[in-house]
Amino acid sequence: MEGLSQLGNKTNYSNEYDPGVLEYFENKHQDRDYWVKFNCPEFTSLCPITNQPDFATIYISYIPDVKMVESKSLKLYLFSFRNHGAFHEDCINIIMNDLIKLMDPRYIEVLGKFLPRGGISIDPYCNYGKPGTEFQELARYRLQNHDLSPENIANR
């Protein structure tokens, strides 16, 4: 596809957080609303205080508008957090903000299911609906109801 530089080429992994690797392509179905979901079960980042690694599954769901994120560039972007020091909640909000900046989606939500460290797990969730649209209302609804049926956690 025109304008995509990562897909089909040798992968160069960044050792630092790098939103510049994100690429997009045009949504060919702009006349309909539909979900796109990515699951990244091998996400890692570093605690900004202790420098210890944190591991998570990141779930990204969005309803595209004109632009869509290219999956290989998303993988490289998420990989760039490997040496990045940020709290769990910050990572999730950074990911959402970078994807909003890249795509300007109708709706997006990002959930992080982090493995326990120190006896506690943290599952931050954030979302966004394009202001002035029905998706802004969807964001409010999903934020209020996102955890009404929490999963049964044994030991993650």
Protein backbone atom coordinates (compact mmCIF):
# COMPACT_ATOMS: atom_id res chain seq x y z
CA MET A 1 0.00 0.00 0.00
CA GLU A 2 1.14 3.48 -0.76
CA GLY A 3 2.87 5.33 2.07
CA LEU A 4 3.51 2.29 4.30
CA SER A 5 7.20 1.81 5.05
CA GLN A 6 7.19 -0.98 7.66
CA LEU A 7 5.05 -3.67 6.03
CA GLY A 8 7.12 -6.18 4.07
CA ASN A 9 10.48 -4.72 5.09
CA LYS A 10 13.13 -5.86 7.55
CA THR A 11 12.11 -4.93 11.08
CA ASN A 12 14.24 -2.41 12.94
CA TYR A 13 13.27 -2.38 16.60
CA SER A 14 13.51 0.84 18.55
CA ASN A 15 15.04 0.81 22.02
CA GLU A 16 13.04 3.88 23.05
CA TYR A 17 9.39 4.90 23.06
CA ASP A 18 8.68 5.97 19.49
CA PRO A 19 5.22 7.10 18.30
CA GLY A 20 6.88 8.06 15.02
CA VAL A 21 6.76 4.44 13.82
CA LEU A 22 2.94 4.50 13.70
CA GLU A 23 1.53 4.47 10.18
CA TYR A 24 -1.99 4.55 8.80
CA PHE A 25 -3.90 3.70 5.66
CA GLU A 26 -7.28 4.84 4.36
CA ASN A 27 -10.44 3.12 5.59
CA LYS A 28 -12.17 1.70 2.51
CA HIS A 29 -15.48 1.36 4.38
CA GLN A 30 -16.06 4.83 5.75
CA ASP A 31 -19.78 4.53 5.05
CA ARG A 32 -20.29 2.06 7.91
CA ASP A 33 -19.41 1.73 11.57
CA TYR A 34 -17.45 -1.37 12.53
CA TRP A 35 -15.02 -2.48 15.22
CA VAL A 36 -11.32 -3.21 14.82
CA LYS A 37 -9.69 -4.96 17.76
CA PHE A 38 -6.03 -5.62 18.51
CA ASN A 39 -4.77 -7.83 21.35
CA CYS A 40 -1.13 -7.57 22.38
CA PRO A 41 -0.42 -10.32 24.96
CA GLU A 42 3.33 -9.58 25.14
CA PHE A 43 3.37 -5.90 26.11
CA THR A 44 6.21 -4.83 28.40
CA SER A 45 7.25 -1.54 29.95
CA LEU A 46 9.35 -0.49 32.92
CA CYS A 47 8.32 0.87 36.29
CA PRO A 48 9.58 4.47 36.32
CA ILE A 49 10.63 4.17 39.98
CA THR A 50 12.15 0.71 40.35
CA ASN A 51 13.02 0.07 36.68
CA GLN A 52 11.48 -3.43 37.06
CA PRO A 53 9.66 -4.85 34.04
CA ASP A 54 5.87 -4.86 33.87
CA PHE A 55 3.99 -7.29 31.64
CA ALA A 56 0.48 -6.93 30.25
CA THR A 57 -2.01 -7.79 27.60
CA ILE A 58 -3.14 -4.62 25.84
CA TYR A 59 -6.55 -4.55 24.18
CA ILE A 60 -7.20 -1.81 21.64
CA SER A 61 -10.67 -1.53 20.10
CA TYR A 62 -11.74 1.24 17.79
CA ILE A 63 -14.32 2.34 15.26
CA PRO A 64 -12.38 3.91 12.38
CA ASP A 65 -13.26 7.05 10.50
CA VAL A 66 -11.00 7.97 7.57
CA LYS A 67 -7.70 6.47 8.80
CA MET A 68 -6.77 3.07 10.21
CA VAL A 69 -3.59 2.05 12.01
CA GLU A 70 -1.34 -0.37 10.12
CA SER A 71 -0.80 -3.46 12.29
CA LYS A 72 2.97 -3.94 11.89
CA SER A 73 3.61 -0.31 12.77
CA LEU A 74 1.36 -0.79 15.82
CA LYS A 75 3.43 -3.82 16.88
CA LEU A 76 6.65 -1.82 16.56
CA TYR A 77 5.10 1.06 18.47
CA LEU A 78 3.94 -1.16 21.33
CA PHE A 79 7.36 -2.85 21.35
CA SER A 80 8.96 0.59 21.80
CA PHE A 81 7.54 0.69 25.35
CA ARG A 82 9.89 -2.16 26.34
CA ASN A 83 12.47 0.24 27.82
CA HIS A 84 10.07 3.08 28.56
CA GLY A 85 9.49 3.98 32.18
CA ALA A 86 5.84 4.79 32.84
CA PHE A 87 3.14 3.74 35.26
CA HIS A 88 0.47 1.35 33.94
CA GLU A 89 -2.21 4.05 33.79
CA ASP A 90 0.14 6.37 31.91
CA CYS A 91 1.03 3.71 29.32
CA ILE A 92 -2.63 3.10 28.50
CA ASN A 93 -3.43 6.81 28.15
CA ILE A 94 -0.29 7.45 26.07
CA ILE A 95 -1.27 4.64 23.69
CA MET A 96 -4.79 6.00 23.30
CA ASN A 97 -3.61 9.60 22.82
CA ASP A 98 -1.06 8.58 20.17
CA LEU A 99 -3.68 6.56 18.26
CA ILE A 100 -6.18 9.43 18.41
CA LYS A 101 -3.50 11.77 17.04
CA LEU A 102 -2.68 9.30 14.25
CA MET A 103 -6.19 8.27 13.18
CA ASP A 104 -8.82 10.60 14.65
CA PRO A 105 -11.14 7.59 15.07
CA ARG A 106 -14.87 7.79 15.68
CA TYR A 107 -14.35 5.84 18.90
CA ILE A 108 -11.43 4.12 20.67
CA GLU A 109 -10.80 2.29 23.92
CA VAL A 110 -7.63 0.87 25.40
CA LEU A 111 -7.49 -1.64 28.25
CA GLY A 112 -4.36 -2.95 29.96
CA LYS A 113 -4.43 -6.21 31.93
CA PHE A 114 -1.14 -6.10 33.82
CA LEU A 115 0.33 -9.11 35.59
CA PRO A 116 0.60 -8.79 39.35
CA ARG A 117 3.77 -7.36 40.81
CA GLY A 118 4.08 -6.99 44.55
CA GLY A 119 0.84 -8.94 45.02
CA ILE A 120 -1.46 -6.62 43.05
CA SER A 121 -2.52 -6.27 39.44
CA ILE A 122 -3.68 -3.04 37.80
CA ASP A 123 -6.12 -2.95 34.87
CA PRO A 124 -6.39 0.63 33.56
CA TYR A 125 -9.06 1.44 30.97
CA CYS A 126 -9.58 4.61 28.97
CA ASN A 127 -11.74 5.56 26.02
CA TYR A 128 -12.68 8.40 23.71
CA GLY A 129 -15.60 9.23 21.44
CA LYS A 130 -15.40 11.95 18.83
CA PRO A 131 -16.90 15.10 20.40
CA GLY A 132 -20.31 16.18 19.19
CA THR A 133 -21.17 12.74 17.82
CA GLU A 134 -23.05 9.68 19.03
CA PHE A 135 -19.64 8.19 19.79
CA GLN A 136 -19.09 10.70 22.57
CA GLU A 137 -22.20 9.24 24.23
CA LEU A 138 -20.92 5.70 23.57
CA ALA A 139 -17.68 6.64 25.37
CA ARG A 140 -19.59 7.86 28.42
CA TYR A 141 -21.73 4.73 28.50
CA ARG A 142 -18.82 2.31 28.09
CA LEU A 143 -16.73 4.12 30.69
CA GLN A 144 -19.55 3.87 33.21
CA ASN A 145 -20.19 0.21 32.41
CA HIS A 146 -16.81 -1.17 31.36
CA ASP A 147 -16.34 -3.37 34.42
CA LEU A 148 -19.85 -4.55 35.29
CA SER A 149 -18.88 -8.15 34.57
CA PRO A 150 -15.28 -8.47 35.78
CA GLU A 151 -13.50 -11.70 34.97
CA ASN A 152 -12.81 -14.37 37.53
CA ILE A 153 -9.14 -13.90 38.46
CA ALA A 154 -7.34 -16.87 39.97
CA ASN A 155 -3.69 -15.97 39.54
CA ARG A 156 -3.82 -14.32 36.18
